[in-house]
């Protein structure tokens, strides 16, 4: 939630797509038992301050989970400096086309170092 607040406050740029928002909804529903209504509310709030991106090319990098390729496609389209995730398959990459892939805690620690 801290990262979302930082994006809402304009401290960081948050890039999302419909695919990312749908995946967020699935995770919130499946792993945290959020209602469909609550998921829609948070998705709408995120769209108010996030940068919406559309991928321009398909990539095939993550063998273990092809859905992760969609996340990489969006990071490439946005030319993101960081991809902040807890996904183990993405974290194994560490770097993709100049985008550093790190855990939320590591990203927050970078801010404290500055």
PDB file of N, CA and C in Angstrom:
ATOM      1  N   UNK A   1       0.811  -1.188   0.000  1.00  0.00           N
ATOM      2  CA  UNK A   1       0.000   0.000   0.000  1.00  0.00           C
ATOM      3  C   UNK A   1       0.861   1.261   0.000  1.00  0.00           C
ATOM      4  N   UNK A   2       2.039   1.166   0.594  1.00  0.00           N
ATOM      5  CA  UNK A   2       2.915   2.339   0.635  1.00  0.00           C
ATOM      6  C   UNK A   2       3.321   2.768  -0.770  1.00  0.00           C
ATOM      7  N   UNK A   3       3.586   1.815  -1.641  1.00  0.00           N
ATOM      8  CA  UNK A   3       3.966   2.149  -3.010  1.00  0.00           C
ATOM      9  C   UNK A   3       2.819   2.828  -3.741  1.00  0.00           C
ATOM     10  N   UNK A   4       1.605   2.365  -3.512  1.00  0.00           N
ATOM     11  CA  UNK A   4       0.449   3.010  -4.140  1.00  0.00           C
ATOM     12  C   UNK A   4       0.304   4.448  -3.657  1.00  0.00           C
ATOM     13  N   UNK A   5       0.533   4.658  -2.371  1.00  0.00           N
ATOM     14  CA  UNK A   5       0.446   6.007  -1.831  1.00  0.00           C
ATOM     15  C   UNK A   5       1.522   6.900  -2.434  1.00  0.00           C
ATOM     16  N   UNK A   6       2.713   6.354  -2.600  1.00  0.00           N
ATOM     17  CA  UNK A   6       3.794   7.124  -3.207  1.00  0.00           C
ATOM     18  C   UNK A   6       3.437   7.519  -4.642  1.00  0.00           C
ATOM     19  N   UNK A   7       2.825   6.598  -5.377  1.00  0.00           N
ATOM     20  CA  UNK A   7       2.413   6.898  -6.749  1.00  0.00           C
ATOM     21  C   UNK A   7       1.304   7.944  -6.758  1.00  0.00           C
ATOM     22  N   UNK A   8       0.361   7.808  -5.863  1.00  0.00           N
ATOM     23  CA  UNK A   8      -0.736   8.770  -5.784  1.00  0.00           C
ATOM     24  C   UNK A   8      -0.211  10.163  -5.429  1.00  0.00           C
ATOM     25  N   UNK A   9       0.812  10.219  -4.594  1.00  0.00           N
ATOM     26  CA  UNK A   9       1.407  11.493  -4.195  1.00  0.00           C
ATOM     27  C   UNK A   9       2.350  12.061  -5.259  1.00  0.00           C
ATOM     28  N   UNK A  10       2.572  11.317  -6.343  1.00  0.00           N
ATOM     29  CA  UNK A  10       3.437  11.787  -7.416  1.00  0.00           C
ATOM     30  C   UNK A  10       4.915  11.591  -7.154  1.00  0.00           C
ATOM     31  N   UNK A  11       5.265  10.788  -6.159  1.00  0.00           N
ATOM     32  CA  UNK A  11       6.668  10.553  -5.833  1.00  0.00           C
ATOM     33  C   UNK A  11       7.314   9.532  -6.762  1.00  0.00           C
ATOM     34  N   UNK A  12       6.502   8.626  -7.294  1.00  0.00           N
ATOM     35  CA  UNK A  12       6.970   7.637  -8.259  1.00  0.00           C
ATOM     36  C   UNK A  12       5.932   7.537  -9.367  1.00  0.00           C
ATOM     37  N   UNK A  13       6.352   7.038 -10.515  1.00  0.00           N
ATOM     38  CA  UNK A  13       5.418   6.806 -11.617  1.00  0.00           C
ATOM     39  C   UNK A  13       4.994   5.348 -11.585  1.00  0.00           C
ATOM     40  N   UNK A  14       3.708   5.127 -11.626  1.00  0.00           N
ATOM     41  CA  UNK A  14       3.162   3.774 -11.651  1.00  0.00           C
ATOM     42  C   UNK A  14       2.600   3.511 -13.030  1.00  0.00           C
ATOM     43  N   UNK A  15       3.105   2.473 -13.694  1.00  0.00           N
ATOM     44  CA  UNK A  15       2.630   2.086 -15.015  1.00  0.00           C
ATOM     45  C   UNK A  15       1.775   0.833 -14.878  1.00  0.00           C
ATOM     46  N   UNK A  16       0.573   0.873 -15.433  1.00  0.00           N
ATOM     47  CA  UNK A  16      -0.332  -0.272 -15.382  1.00  0.00           C
ATOM     48  C   UNK A  16      -0.960  -0.475 -16.754  1.00  0.00           C
ATOM     49  N   UNK A  17      -1.574  -1.614 -16.906  1.00  0.00           N
ATOM     50  CA  UNK A  17      -2.349  -1.925 -18.100  1.00  0.00           C
ATOM     51  C   UNK A  17      -3.587  -2.678 -17.635  1.00  0.00           C
ATOM     52  N   UNK A  18      -4.484  -2.920 -18.553  1.00  0.00           N
ATOM     53  CA  UNK A  18      -5.671  -3.708 -18.205  1.00  0.00           C
ATOM     54  C   UNK A  18      -5.258  -5.092 -17.710  1.00  0.00           C
ATOM     55  N   UNK A  19      -4.258  -5.676 -18.340  1.00  0.00           N
ATOM     56  CA  UNK A  19      -3.780  -6.997 -17.933  1.00  0.00           C
ATOM     57  C   UNK A  19      -3.247  -6.976 -16.506  1.00  0.00           C
ATOM     58  N   UNK A  20      -2.474  -5.958 -16.169  1.00  0.00           N
ATOM     59  CA  UNK A  20      -1.922  -5.848 -14.819  1.00  0.00           C
ATOM     60  C   UNK A  20      -3.039  -5.621 -13.802  1.00  0.00           C
ATOM     61  N   UNK A  21      -3.989  -4.760 -14.135  1.00  0.00           N
ATOM     62  CA  UNK A  21      -5.104  -4.525 -13.211  1.00  0.00           C
ATOM     63  C   UNK A  21      -5.947  -5.781 -13.020  1.00  0.00           C
ATOM     64  N   UNK A  22      -6.133  -6.543 -14.081  1.00  0.00           N
ATOM     65  CA  UNK A  22      -6.881  -7.798 -13.962  1.00  0.00           C
ATOM     66  C   UNK A  22      -6.134  -8.804 -13.089  1.00  0.00           C
ATOM     67  N   UNK A  23      -4.822  -8.879 -13.258  1.00  0.00           N
ATOM     68  CA  UNK A  23      -4.013  -9.777 -12.435  1.00  0.00           C
ATOM     69  C   UNK A  23      -4.051  -9.340 -10.971  1.00  0.00           C
ATOM     70  N   UNK A  24      -3.988  -8.046 -10.735  1.00  0.00           N
ATOM     71  CA  UNK A  24      -4.114  -7.534  -9.374  1.00  0.00           C
ATOM     72  C   UNK A  24      -5.450  -7.964  -8.776  1.00  0.00           C
ATOM     73  N   UNK A  25      -6.509  -7.820  -9.549  1.00  0.00           N
ATOM     74  CA  UNK A  25      -7.832  -8.229  -9.078  1.00  0.00           C
ATOM     75  C   UNK A  25      -7.895  -9.702  -8.748  1.00  0.00           C
ATOM     76  N   UNK A  26      -7.291 -10.527  -9.598  1.00  0.00           N
ATOM     77  CA  UNK A  26      -7.285 -11.970  -9.351  1.00  0.00           C
ATOM     78  C   UNK A  26      -6.557 -12.298  -8.057  1.00  0.00           C
ATOM     79  N   UNK A  27      -5.399 -11.680  -7.853  1.00  0.00           N
ATOM     80  CA  UNK A  27      -4.604 -11.939  -6.648  1.00  0.00           C
ATOM     81  C   UNK A  27      -5.355 -11.475  -5.399  1.00  0.00           C
ATOM     82  N   UNK A  28      -5.933 -10.283  -5.454  1.00  0.00           N
ATOM     83  CA  UNK A  28      -6.675  -9.776  -4.289  1.00  0.00           C
ATOM     84  C   UNK A  28      -7.857 -10.667  -3.963  1.00  0.00           C
ATOM     85  N   UNK A  29      -8.511 -11.169  -4.995  1.00  0.00           N
ATOM     86  CA  UNK A  29      -9.667 -12.042  -4.773  1.00  0.00           C
ATOM     87  C   UNK A  29      -9.243 -13.429  -4.298  1.00  0.00           C
ATOM     88  N   UNK A  30      -8.312 -14.046  -5.011  1.00  0.00           N
ATOM     89  CA  UNK A  30      -7.913 -15.425  -4.699  1.00  0.00           C
ATOM     90  C   UNK A  30      -7.102 -15.546  -3.418  1.00  0.00           C
ATOM     91  N   UNK A  31      -6.153 -14.644  -3.214  1.00  0.00           N
ATOM     92  CA  UNK A  31      -5.238 -14.776  -2.083  1.00  0.00           C
ATOM     93  C   UNK A  31      -5.693 -14.037  -0.828  1.00  0.00           C
ATOM     94  N   UNK A  32      -6.489 -12.983  -1.021  1.00  0.00           N
ATOM     95  CA  UNK A  32      -6.872 -12.167   0.128  1.00  0.00           C
ATOM     96  C   UNK A  32      -8.383 -12.070   0.320  1.00  0.00           C
ATOM     97  N   UNK A  33      -9.119 -12.800  -0.522  1.00  0.00           N
ATOM     98  CA  UNK A  33     -10.575 -12.906  -0.430  1.00  0.00           C
ATOM     99  C   UNK A  33     -11.292 -11.556  -0.499  1.00  0.00           C
ATOM    100  N   UNK A  34     -10.767 -10.661  -1.338  1.00  0.00           N
ATOM    101  CA  UNK A  34     -11.443  -9.388  -1.572  1.00  0.00           C
ATOM    102  C   UNK A  34     -12.687  -9.654  -2.408  1.00  0.00           C
ATOM    103  N   UNK A  35     -13.726  -8.888  -2.166  1.00  0.00           N
ATOM    104  CA  UNK A  35     -14.944  -9.008  -2.963  1.00  0.00           C
ATOM    105  C   UNK A  35     -14.710  -8.391  -4.337  1.00  0.00           C
ATOM    106  N   UNK A  36     -15.517  -8.786  -5.303  1.00  0.00           N
ATOM    107  CA  UNK A  36     -15.410  -8.224  -6.655  1.00  0.00           C
ATOM    108  C   UNK A  36     -15.630  -6.713  -6.625  1.00  0.00           C
ATOM    109  N   UNK A  37     -16.534  -6.267  -5.785  1.00  0.00           N
ATOM    110  CA  UNK A  37     -16.815  -4.830  -5.669  1.00  0.00           C
ATOM    111  C   UNK A  37     -15.601  -4.068  -5.132  1.00  0.00           C
ATOM    112  N   UNK A  38     -14.957  -4.597  -4.091  1.00  0.00           N
ATOM    113  CA  UNK A  38     -13.765  -3.943  -3.529  1.00  0.00           C
ATOM    114  C   UNK A  38     -12.630  -3.911  -4.540  1.00  0.00           C
ATOM    115  N   UNK A  39     -12.483  -4.978  -5.310  1.00  0.00           N
ATOM    116  CA  UNK A  39     -11.449  -5.026  -6.343  1.00  0.00           C
ATOM    117  C   UNK A  39     -11.694  -3.937  -7.375  1.00  0.00           C
ATOM    118  N   UNK A  40     -12.929  -3.786  -7.823  1.00  0.00           N
ATOM    119  CA  UNK A  40     -13.249  -2.760  -8.822  1.00  0.00           C
ATOM    120  C   UNK A  40     -12.968  -1.358  -8.291  1.00  0.00           C
ATOM    121  N   UNK A  41     -13.253  -1.126  -7.023  1.00  0.00           N
ATOM    122  CA  UNK A  41     -12.998   0.184  -6.422  1.00  0.00           C
ATOM    123  C   UNK A  41     -11.507   0.495  -6.440  1.00  0.00           C
ATOM    124  N   UNK A  42     -10.664  -0.457  -6.019  1.00  0.00           N
ATOM    125  CA  UNK A  42      -9.225  -0.195  -5.991  1.00  0.00           C
ATOM    126  C   UNK A  42      -8.664  -0.049  -7.402  1.00  0.00           C
ATOM    127  N   UNK A  43      -9.161  -0.835  -8.350  1.00  0.00           N
ATOM    128  CA  UNK A  43      -8.708  -0.698  -9.736  1.00  0.00           C
ATOM    129  C   UNK A  43      -9.041   0.697 -10.277  1.00  0.00           C
ATOM    130  N   UNK A  44     -10.232   1.190 -10.003  1.00  0.00           N
ATOM    131  CA  UNK A  44     -10.635   2.517 -10.467  1.00  0.00           C
ATOM    132  C   UNK A  44      -9.783   3.607  -9.821  1.00  0.00           C
ATOM    133  N   UNK A  45      -9.482   3.459  -8.539  1.00  0.00           N
ATOM    134  CA  UNK A  45      -8.635   4.451  -7.851  1.00  0.00           C
ATOM    135  C   UNK A  45      -7.242   4.489  -8.465  1.00  0.00           C
ATOM    136  N   UNK A  46      -6.687   3.316  -8.748  1.00  0.00           N
ATOM    137  CA  UNK A  46      -5.345   3.245  -9.336  1.00  0.00           C
ATOM    138  C   UNK A  46      -5.319   3.941 -10.692  1.00  0.00           C
ATOM    139  N   UNK A  47      -6.362   3.750 -11.483  1.00  0.00           N
ATOM    140  CA  UNK A  47      -6.403   4.376 -12.804  1.00  0.00           C
ATOM    141  C   UNK A  47      -6.437   5.899 -12.737  1.00  0.00           C
ATOM    142  N   UNK A  48      -6.823   6.443 -11.598  1.00  0.00           N
ATOM    143  CA  UNK A  48      -6.874   7.902 -11.444  1.00  0.00           C
ATOM    144  C   UNK A  48      -5.481   8.538 -11.397  1.00  0.00           C
ATOM    145  N   UNK A  49      -4.476   7.773 -10.975  1.00  0.00           N
ATOM    146  CA  UNK A  49      -3.133   8.355 -10.856  1.00  0.00           C
ATOM    147  C   UNK A  49      -2.055   7.577 -11.590  1.00  0.00           C
ATOM    148  N   UNK A  50      -2.381   6.439 -12.143  1.00  0.00           N
ATOM    149  CA  UNK A  50      -1.382   5.615 -12.826  1.00  0.00           C
ATOM    150  C   UNK A  50      -1.302   5.961 -14.314  1.00  0.00           C
ATOM    151  N   UNK A  51      -0.172   5.632 -14.890  1.00  0.00           N
ATOM    152  CA  UNK A  51       0.062   5.783 -16.323  1.00  0.00           C
ATOM    153  C   UNK A  51      -0.369   4.490 -17.007  1.00  0.00           C
ATOM    154  N   UNK A  52      -1.334   4.571 -17.901  1.00  0.00           N
ATOM    155  CA  UNK A  52      -1.843   3.377 -18.587  1.00  0.00           C
ATOM    156  C   UNK A  52      -0.972   3.098 -19.809  1.00  0.00           C
ATOM    157  N   UNK A  53      -0.443   1.879 -19.898  1.00  0.00           N
ATOM    158  CA  UNK A  53       0.429   1.511 -21.025  1.00  0.00           C
ATOM    159  C   UNK A  53      -0.170   0.341 -21.803  1.00  0.00           C
ATOM    160  N   UNK A  54       0.212   0.301 -23.063  1.00  0.00           N
ATOM    161  CA  UNK A  54      -0.189  -0.790 -23.942  1.00  0.00           C
ATOM    162  C   UNK A  54       1.076  -1.364 -24.553  1.00  0.00           C
ATOM    163  N   UNK A  55       1.255  -2.672 -24.489  1.00  0.00           N
ATOM    164  CA  UNK A  55       2.489  -3.252 -25.038  1.00  0.00           C
ATOM    165  C   UNK A  55       2.552  -3.103 -26.554  1.00  0.00           C
ATOM    166  N   UNK A  56       3.775  -3.009 -27.053  1.00  0.00           N
ATOM    167  CA  UNK A  56       3.973  -2.860 -28.495  1.00  0.00           C
ATOM    168  C   UNK A  56       4.599  -4.103 -29.122  1.00  0.00           C
ATOM    169  N   UNK A  57       5.031  -5.038 -28.281  1.00  0.00           N
ATOM    170  CA  UNK A  57       5.612  -6.276 -28.796  1.00  0.00           C
ATOM    171  C   UNK A  57       5.410  -7.403 -27.795  1.00  0.00           C
ATOM    172  N   UNK A  58       5.351  -8.615 -28.303  1.00  0.00           N
ATOM    173  CA  UNK A  58       5.241  -9.790 -27.449  1.00  0.00           C
ATOM    174  C   UNK A  58       6.643 -10.284 -27.108  1.00  0.00           C
ATOM    175  N   UNK A  59       6.819 -10.731 -25.857  1.00  0.00           N
ATOM    176  CA  UNK A  59       8.088 -11.332 -25.455  1.00  0.00           C
ATOM    177  C   UNK A  59       7.815 -12.726 -24.907  1.00  0.00           C
ATOM    178  N   UNK A  60       8.803 -13.562 -24.990  1.00  0.00           N
ATOM    179  CA  UNK A  60       8.703 -14.934 -24.482  1.00  0.00           C
ATOM    180  C   UNK A  60       9.970 -15.210 -23.685  1.00  0.00           C
ATOM    181  N   UNK A  61       9.920 -14.861 -22.402  1.00  0.00           N
ATOM    182  CA  UNK A  61      11.102 -14.922 -21.557  1.00  0.00           C
ATOM    183  C   UNK A  61      10.924 -15.885 -20.401  1.00  0.00           C
ATOM    184  N   UNK A  62       9.782 -15.855 -19.747  1.00  0.00           N
ATOM    185  CA  UNK A  62       9.552 -16.632 -18.527  1.00  0.00           C
ATOM    186  C   UNK A  62       8.923 -17.974 -18.902  1.00  0.00           C
ATOM    187  N   UNK A  63       9.740 -19.008 -18.886  1.00  0.00           N
ATOM    188  CA  UNK A  63       9.264 -20.336 -19.268  1.00  0.00           C
ATOM    189  C   UNK A  63       8.283 -20.912 -18.246  1.00  0.00           C
ATOM    190  N   UNK A  64       8.531 -20.658 -16.965  1.00  0.00           N
ATOM    191  CA  UNK A  64       7.725 -21.255 -15.900  1.00  0.00           C
ATOM    192  C   UNK A  64       6.309 -20.687 -15.831  1.00  0.00           C
ATOM    193  N   UNK A  65       6.100 -19.442 -16.289  1.00  0.00           N
ATOM    194  CA  UNK A  65       4.793 -18.803 -16.192  1.00  0.00           C
ATOM    195  C   UNK A  65       4.662 -17.780 -17.312  1.00  0.00           C
ATOM    196  N   UNK A  66       4.028 -18.182 -18.388  1.00  0.00           N
ATOM    197  CA  UNK A  66       3.899 -17.311 -19.562  1.00  0.00           C
ATOM    198  C   UNK A  66       3.134 -16.030 -19.252  1.00  0.00           C
ATOM    199  N   UNK A  67       2.267 -16.034 -18.231  1.00  0.00           N
ATOM    200  CA  UNK A  67       1.546 -14.816 -17.860  1.00  0.00           C
ATOM    201  C   UNK A  67       2.509 -13.713 -17.415  1.00  0.00           C
ATOM    202  N   UNK A  68       3.665 -14.104 -16.900  1.00  0.00           N
ATOM    203  CA  UNK A  68       4.665 -13.112 -16.481  1.00  0.00           C
ATOM    204  C   UNK A  68       5.231 -12.350 -17.671  1.00  0.00           C
ATOM    205  N   UNK A  69       5.207 -12.971 -18.838  1.00  0.00           N
ATOM    206  CA  UNK A  69       5.672 -12.273 -20.033  1.00  0.00           C
ATOM    207  C   UNK A  69       4.848 -11.010 -20.285  1.00  0.00           C
ATOM    208  N   UNK A  70       3.560 -11.056 -19.956  1.00  0.00           N
ATOM    209  CA  UNK A  70       2.704  -9.876 -20.132  1.00  0.00           C
ATOM    210  C   UNK A  70       3.185  -8.718 -19.264  1.00  0.00           C
ATOM    211  N   UNK A  71       3.675  -9.022 -18.081  1.00  0.00           N
ATOM    212  CA  UNK A  71       4.199  -7.979 -17.192  1.00  0.00           C
ATOM    213  C   UNK A  71       5.462  -7.383 -17.802  1.00  0.00           C
ATOM    214  N   UNK A  72       6.325  -8.230 -18.336  1.00  0.00           N
ATOM    215  CA  UNK A  72       7.557  -7.745 -18.972  1.00  0.00           C
ATOM    216  C   UNK A  72       7.258  -6.903 -20.208  1.00  0.00           C
ATOM    217  N   UNK A  73       6.231  -7.300 -20.968  1.00  0.00           N
ATOM    218  CA  UNK A  73       5.834  -6.523 -22.142  1.00  0.00           C
ATOM    219  C   UNK A  73       5.427  -5.107 -21.753  1.00  0.00           C
ATOM    220  N   UNK A  74       4.717  -4.982 -20.645  1.00  0.00           N
ATOM    221  CA  UNK A  74       4.266  -3.666 -20.188  1.00  0.00           C
ATOM    222  C   UNK A  74       5.437  -2.840 -19.653  1.00  0.00           C
ATOM    223  N   UNK A  75       6.348  -3.488 -18.954  1.00  0.00           N
ATOM    224  CA  UNK A  75       7.531  -2.780 -18.452  1.00  0.00           C
ATOM    225  C   UNK A  75       8.363  -2.255 -19.615  1.00  0.00           C
ATOM    226  N   UNK A  76       8.482  -3.055 -20.669  1.00  0.00           N
ATOM    227  CA  UNK A  76       9.234  -2.620 -21.846  1.00  0.00           C
ATOM    228  C   UNK A  76       8.527  -1.459 -22.542  1.00  0.00           C
ATOM    229  N   UNK A  77       7.213  -1.545 -22.684  1.00  0.00           N
ATOM    230  CA  UNK A  77       6.454  -0.477 -23.346  1.00  0.00           C
ATOM    231  C   UNK A  77       6.540   0.832 -22.562  1.00  0.00           C
ATOM    232  N   UNK A  78       6.568   0.734 -21.242  1.00  0.00           N
ATOM    233  CA  UNK A  78       6.629   1.928 -20.392  1.00  0.00           C
ATOM    234  C   UNK A  78       8.053   2.432 -20.211  1.00  0.00           C
ATOM    235  N   UNK A  79       9.022   1.621 -20.624  1.00  0.00           N
ATOM    236  CA  UNK A  79      10.437   1.932 -20.390  1.00  0.00           C
ATOM    237  C   UNK A  79      10.683   2.182 -18.904  1.00  0.00           C
ATOM    238  N   UNK A  80      10.156   1.266 -18.114  1.00  0.00           N
ATOM    239  CA  UNK A  80      10.234   1.381 -16.660  1.00  0.00           C
ATOM    240  C   UNK A  80      11.668   1.224 -16.169  1.00  0.00           C
ATOM    241  N   UNK A  81      12.013   2.001 -15.158  1.00  0.00           N
ATOM    242  CA  UNK A  81      13.307   1.844 -14.503  1.00  0.00           C
ATOM    243  C   UNK A  81      13.289   0.628 -13.588  1.00  0.00           C
ATOM    244  N   UNK A  82      12.122   0.411 -12.951  1.00  0.00           N
ATOM    245  CA  UNK A  82      11.970  -0.695 -12.005  1.00  0.00           C
ATOM    246  C   UNK A  82      10.679  -1.442 -12.260  1.00  0.00           C
ATOM    247  N   UNK A  83      10.732  -2.744 -12.051  1.00  0.00           N
ATOM    248  CA  UNK A  83       9.549  -3.576 -11.975  1.00  0.00           C
ATOM    249  C   UNK A  83       9.545  -4.099 -10.542  1.00  0.00           C
ATOM    250  N   UNK A  84       8.582  -3.662  -9.759  1.00  0.00           N
ATOM    251  CA  UNK A  84       8.523  -4.007  -8.340  1.00  0.00           C
ATOM    252  C   UNK A  84       7.507  -5.123  -8.177  1.00  0.00           C
ATOM    253  N   UNK A  85       7.974  -6.271  -7.686  1.00  0.00           N
ATOM    254  CA  UNK A  85       7.129  -7.458  -7.652  1.00  0.00           C
ATOM    255  C   UNK A  85       7.566  -8.426  -6.562  1.00  0.00           C
ATOM    256  N   UNK A  86       6.668  -9.290  -6.204  1.00  0.00           N
ATOM    257  CA  UNK A  86       7.000 -10.389  -5.315  1.00  0.00           C
ATOM    258  C   UNK A  86       7.044 -11.708  -6.074  1.00  0.00           C
ATOM    259  N   UNK A  87       6.826 -11.669  -7.375  1.00  0.00           N
ATOM    260  CA  UNK A  87       6.785 -12.867  -8.210  1.00  0.00           C
ATOM    261  C   UNK A  87       8.186 -13.477  -8.338  1.00  0.00           C
ATOM    262  N   UNK A  88       8.308 -14.713  -7.912  1.00  0.00           N
ATOM    263  CA  UNK A  88       9.620 -15.373  -7.881  1.00  0.00           C
ATOM    264  C   UNK A  88      10.228 -15.559  -9.266  1.00  0.00           C
ATOM    265  N   UNK A  89       9.399 -15.885 -10.242  1.00  0.00           N
ATOM    266  CA  UNK A  89       9.938 -16.103 -11.591  1.00  0.00           C
ATOM    267  C   UNK A  89      10.479 -14.809 -12.189  1.00  0.00           C
ATOM    268  N   UNK A  90       9.780 -13.714 -11.958  1.00  0.00           N
ATOM    269  CA  UNK A  90      10.268 -12.422 -12.451  1.00  0.00           C
ATOM    270  C   UNK A  90      11.508 -11.984 -11.685  1.00  0.00           C
ATOM    271  N   UNK A  91      11.504 -12.180 -10.379  1.00  0.00           N
ATOM    272  CA  UNK A  91      12.655 -11.779  -9.562  1.00  0.00           C
ATOM    273  C   UNK A  91      13.926 -12.517  -9.962  1.00  0.00           C
ATOM    274  N   UNK A  92      13.784 -13.756 -10.422  1.00  0.00           N
ATOM    275  CA  UNK A  92      14.950 -14.524 -10.865  1.00  0.00           C
ATOM    276  C   UNK A  92      15.666 -13.837 -12.020  1.00  0.00           C
ATOM    277  N   UNK A  93      14.916 -13.114 -12.842  1.00  0.00           N
ATOM    278  CA  UNK A  93      15.528 -12.422 -13.975  1.00  0.00           C
ATOM    279  C   UNK A  93      16.451 -11.299 -13.514  1.00  0.00           C
ATOM    280  N   UNK A  94      16.004 -10.553 -12.505  1.00  0.00           N
ATOM    281  CA  UNK A  94      16.821  -9.464 -11.987  1.00  0.00           C
ATOM    282  C   UNK A  94      16.848  -8.216 -12.858  1.00  0.00           C
ATOM    283  N   UNK A  95      16.899  -8.409 -14.160  1.00  0.00           N
ATOM    284  CA  UNK A  95      16.974  -7.302 -15.104  1.00  0.00           C
ATOM    285  C   UNK A  95      16.344  -7.743 -16.415  1.00  0.00           C
ATOM    286  N   UNK A  96      15.581  -6.826 -17.011  1.00  0.00           N
ATOM    287  CA  UNK A  96      14.999  -7.094 -18.322  1.00  0.00           C
ATOM    288  C   UNK A  96      15.022  -5.806 -19.122  1.00  0.00           C
ATOM    289  N   UNK A  97      15.841  -5.776 -20.169  1.00  0.00           N
ATOM    290  CA  UNK A  97      15.948  -4.616 -21.060  1.00  0.00           C
ATOM    291  C   UNK A  97      16.115  -3.300 -20.298  1.00  0.00           C
ATOM    292  N   UNK A  98      16.976  -3.321 -19.333  1.00  0.00           N
ATOM    293  CA  UNK A  98      17.270  -2.117 -18.571  1.00  0.00           C
ATOM    294  C   UNK A  98      16.344  -1.866 -17.392  1.00  0.00           C
ATOM    295  N   UNK A  99      15.330  -2.679 -17.225  1.00  0.00           N
ATOM    296  CA  UNK A  99      14.414  -2.549 -16.093  1.00  0.00           C
ATOM    297  C   UNK A  99      14.874  -3.464 -14.976  1.00  0.00           C
ATOM    298  N   UNK A 100      15.192  -2.888 -13.815  1.00  0.00           N
ATOM    299  CA  UNK A 100      15.586  -3.685 -12.650  1.00  0.00           C
ATOM    300  C   UNK A 100      14.334  -4.304 -12.035  1.00  0.00           C
ATOM    301  N   UNK A 101      14.394  -5.577 -11.734  1.00  0.00           N
ATOM    302  CA  UNK A 101      13.262  -6.298 -11.151  1.00  0.00           C
ATOM    303  C   UNK A 101      13.609  -6.596  -9.704  1.00  0.00           C
ATOM    304  N   UNK A 102      12.864  -5.950  -8.787  1.00  0.00           N
ATOM    305  CA  UNK A 102      13.173  -6.065  -7.362  1.00  0.00           C
ATOM    306  C   UNK A 102      11.905  -6.186  -6.522  1.00  0.00           C
ATOM    307  N   UNK A 103      12.099  -6.640  -5.293  1.00  0.00           N
ATOM    308  CA  UNK A 103      10.997  -6.759  -4.342  1.00  0.00           C
ATOM    309  C   UNK A 103      10.594  -5.379  -3.821  1.00  0.00           C
ATOM    310  N   UNK A 104       9.358  -5.250  -3.353  1.00  0.00           N
ATOM    311  CA  UNK A 104       8.912  -3.962  -2.804  1.00  0.00           C
ATOM    312  C   UNK A 104       9.827  -3.423  -1.702  1.00  0.00           C
ATOM    313  N   UNK A 105      10.245  -4.274  -0.783  1.00  0.00           N
ATOM    314  CA  UNK A 105      11.104  -3.811   0.316  1.00  0.00           C
ATOM    315  C   UNK A 105      12.427  -3.259  -0.206  1.00  0.00           C
ATOM    316  N   UNK A 106      12.986  -3.892  -1.213  1.00  0.00           N
ATOM    317  CA  UNK A 106      14.243  -3.410  -1.796  1.00  0.00           C
ATOM    318  C   UNK A 106      14.029  -2.067  -2.482  1.00  0.00           C
ATOM    319  N   UNK A 107      12.895  -1.893  -3.143  1.00  0.00           N
ATOM    320  CA  UNK A 107      12.606  -0.613  -3.791  1.00  0.00           C
ATOM    321  C   UNK A 107      12.462   0.495  -2.751  1.00  0.00           C
ATOM    322  N   UNK A 108      11.739   0.207  -1.683  1.00  0.00           N
ATOM    323  CA  UNK A 108      11.567   1.204  -0.628  1.00  0.00           C
ATOM    324  C   UNK A 108      12.901   1.552   0.025  1.00  0.00           C
ATOM    325  N   UNK A 109      13.781   0.564   0.157  1.00  0.00           N
ATOM    326  CA  UNK A 109      15.101   0.811   0.743  1.00  0.00           C
ATOM    327  C   UNK A 109      15.921   1.741  -0.135  1.00  0.00           C
ATOM    328  N   UNK A 110      15.741   1.660  -1.446  1.00  0.00           N
ATOM    329  CA  UNK A 110      16.455   2.568  -2.362  1.00  0.00           C
ATOM    330  C   UNK A 110      16.091   4.021  -2.062  1.00  0.00           C
ATOM    331  N   UNK A 111      14.845   4.267  -1.741  1.00  0.00           N
ATOM    332  CA  UNK A 111      14.389   5.613  -1.423  1.00  0.00           C
ATOM    333  C   UNK A 111      15.023   6.130  -0.152  1.00  0.00           C
ATOM    334  N   UNK A 112      15.223   5.256   0.795  1.00  0.00           N
ATOM    335  CA  UNK A 112      15.842   5.654   2.062  1.00  0.00           C
ATOM    336  C   UNK A 112      17.319   5.977   1.884  1.00  0.00           C
ATOM    337  N   UNK A 113      17.951   5.355   0.881  1.00  0.00           N
ATOM    338  CA  UNK A 113      19.368   5.595   0.623  1.00  0.00           C
ATOM    339  C   UNK A 113      19.619   6.954   0.004  1.00  0.00           C
ATOM    340  N   UNK A 114      18.619   7.510  -0.637  1.00  0.00           N
ATOM    341  CA  UNK A 114      18.797   8.783  -1.355  1.00  0.00           C
ATOM    342  C   UNK A 114      18.731   9.924  -0.453  1.00  0.00           C
TER     343      UNK A 114
END
